[in-house]
Amino acid sequence: MAFRDEKIVDVLRDEARKMDPRCEGYAELIADAVDNVIRFERAHIFRKSNIVQEISDVIEGVARVIDTKTSETGEPS
């Protein structure tokens, strides 16, 4: 990964950690999602995958986890 790409990932991960947590493990969940999106983007350069669908799947997965965790704990979503 180029230095510029690494810097972008670092900034996104740092910002994810600063977000108000919506549930336990929220910052890690968002940071992992960012990692997945970056990984999909890098793979997309070499194989023309359906990146829009892959990113949508990541976002939907995060939403499902947050919904499950907040419904289990009674925390607002």
C-alpha atoms as a PDB file:
ATOM      1  CA  MET A   1       0.000   0.000   0.000  1.00  0.00           C
ATOM      2  CA  ALA A   2       1.365   3.409  -0.917  1.00  0.00           C
ATOM      3  CA  PHE A   3       2.162   5.911   1.827  1.00  0.00           C
ATOM      4  CA  ARG A   4      -0.732   8.136   0.752  1.00  0.00           C
ATOM      5  CA  ASP A   5      -3.170   5.216   0.979  1.00  0.00           C
ATOM      6  CA  GLU A   6      -1.842   4.266   4.396  1.00  0.00           C
ATOM      7  CA  LYS A   7      -2.319   7.848   5.589  1.00  0.00           C
ATOM      8  CA  ILE A   8      -5.922   7.864   4.353  1.00  0.00           C
ATOM      9  CA  VAL A   9      -6.638   4.591   6.153  1.00  0.00           C
ATOM     10  CA  ASP A  10      -5.013   5.915   9.345  1.00  0.00           C
ATOM     11  CA  VAL A  11      -7.118   9.081   9.227  1.00  0.00           C
ATOM     12  CA  LEU A  12     -10.329   7.100   8.638  1.00  0.00           C
ATOM     13  CA  ARG A  13      -9.535   4.705  11.488  1.00  0.00           C
ATOM     14  CA  ASP A  14      -8.692   7.604  13.836  1.00  0.00           C
ATOM     15  CA  GLU A  15     -11.940   9.360  12.964  1.00  0.00           C
ATOM     16  CA  ALA A  16     -13.886   6.139  13.513  1.00  0.00           C
ATOM     17  CA  ARG A  17     -12.450   5.904  17.022  1.00  0.00           C
ATOM     18  CA  LYS A  18     -13.642   9.453  17.779  1.00  0.00           C
ATOM     19  CA  MET A  19     -17.261   8.753  16.813  1.00  0.00           C
ATOM     20  CA  ASP A  20     -19.886   8.564  19.510  1.00  0.00           C
ATOM     21  CA  PRO A  21     -20.314   4.854  20.175  1.00  0.00           C
ATOM     22  CA  ARG A  22     -23.737   3.512  19.283  1.00  0.00           C
ATOM     23  CA  CYS A  23     -23.005   0.178  20.910  1.00  0.00           C
ATOM     24  CA  GLU A  24     -20.187  -1.740  22.571  1.00  0.00           C
ATOM     25  CA  GLY A  25     -17.354  -2.308  20.094  1.00  0.00           C
ATOM     26  CA  TYR A  26     -18.642   0.380  17.723  1.00  0.00           C
ATOM     27  CA  ALA A  27     -15.265   1.960  16.939  1.00  0.00           C
ATOM     28  CA  GLU A  28     -13.721  -1.406  16.130  1.00  0.00           C
ATOM     29  CA  LEU A  29     -16.716  -2.336  13.988  1.00  0.00           C
ATOM     30  CA  ILE A  30     -16.418   0.868  11.952  1.00  0.00           C
ATOM     31  CA  ALA A  31     -12.630   0.536  11.683  1.00  0.00           C
ATOM     32  CA  ASP A  32     -13.024  -3.027  10.396  1.00  0.00           C
ATOM     33  CA  ALA A  33     -15.593  -1.830   7.867  1.00  0.00           C
ATOM     34  CA  VAL A  34     -13.154   0.838   6.648  1.00  0.00           C
ATOM     35  CA  ASP A  35     -10.469  -1.834   6.318  1.00  0.00           C
ATOM     36  CA  ASN A  36     -12.820  -4.022   4.290  1.00  0.00           C
ATOM     37  CA  VAL A  37     -13.813  -1.199   1.958  1.00  0.00           C
ATOM     38  CA  ILE A  38     -10.163  -0.304   1.354  1.00  0.00           C
ATOM     39  CA  ARG A  39      -9.346  -3.975   0.735  1.00  0.00           C
ATOM     40  CA  PHE A  40     -12.228  -4.271  -1.746  1.00  0.00           C
ATOM     41  CA  GLU A  41     -11.093  -1.112  -3.521  1.00  0.00           C
ATOM     42  CA  ARG A  42      -7.551  -2.419  -3.871  1.00  0.00           C
ATOM     43  CA  ALA A  43      -8.811  -5.768  -5.193  1.00  0.00           C
ATOM     44  CA  HIS A  44     -11.151  -3.959  -7.583  1.00  0.00           C
ATOM     45  CA  ILE A  45      -8.158  -2.385  -9.310  1.00  0.00           C
ATOM     46  CA  PHE A  46      -6.922  -5.855 -10.330  1.00  0.00           C
ATOM     47  CA  ARG A  47     -10.196  -7.674 -10.831  1.00  0.00           C
ATOM     48  CA  LYS A  48     -13.209  -5.766 -11.955  1.00  0.00           C
ATOM     49  CA  SER A  49     -15.584  -6.865  -9.212  1.00  0.00           C
ATOM     50  CA  ASN A  50     -18.894  -5.280  -8.323  1.00  0.00           C
ATOM     51  CA  ILE A  51     -17.411  -2.942  -5.745  1.00  0.00           C
ATOM     52  CA  VAL A  52     -20.686  -1.099  -5.192  1.00  0.00           C
ATOM     53  CA  GLN A  53     -22.326  -4.336  -4.070  1.00  0.00           C
ATOM     54  CA  GLU A  54     -19.348  -5.284  -1.897  1.00  0.00           C
ATOM     55  CA  ILE A  55     -19.409  -1.901  -0.138  1.00  0.00           C
ATOM     56  CA  SER A  56     -23.186  -2.129   0.273  1.00  0.00           C
ATOM     57  CA  ASP A  57     -22.723  -5.545   1.892  1.00  0.00           C
ATOM     58  CA  VAL A  58     -20.194  -4.091   4.363  1.00  0.00           C
ATOM     59  CA  ILE A  59     -22.530  -1.236   5.286  1.00  0.00           C
ATOM     60  CA  GLU A  60     -25.509  -3.569   5.669  1.00  0.00           C
ATOM     61  CA  GLY A  61     -23.407  -5.889   7.837  1.00  0.00           C
ATOM     62  CA  VAL A  62     -22.416  -3.021  10.126  1.00  0.00           C
ATOM     63  CA  ALA A  63     -26.038  -1.897  10.366  1.00  0.00           C
ATOM     64  CA  ARG A  64     -27.189  -5.425  11.287  1.00  0.00           C
ATOM     65  CA  VAL A  65     -24.554  -5.749  14.023  1.00  0.00           C
ATOM     66  CA  ILE A  66     -25.420  -2.339  15.465  1.00  0.00           C
ATOM     67  CA  ASP A  67     -29.140  -3.127  15.340  1.00  0.00           C
ATOM     68  CA  THR A  68     -28.603  -6.481  17.068  1.00  0.00           C
ATOM     69  CA  LYS A  69     -26.343  -5.041  19.763  1.00  0.00           C
ATOM     70  CA  THR A  70     -28.594  -2.075  20.502  1.00  0.00           C
ATOM     71  CA  SER A  71     -31.722  -4.227  20.645  1.00  0.00           C
ATOM     72  CA  GLU A  72     -29.960  -6.628  23.057  1.00  0.00           C
ATOM     73  CA  THR A  73     -28.755  -3.868  25.377  1.00  0.00           C
ATOM     74  CA  GLY A  74     -31.633  -1.440  24.989  1.00  0.00           C
ATOM     75  CA  GLU A  75     -29.237   1.327  23.912  1.00  0.00           C
ATOM     76  CA  PRO A  76     -30.635   3.828  21.410  1.00  0.00           C
ATOM     77  CA  SER A  77     -29.460   3.310  17.842  1.00  0.00           C
END
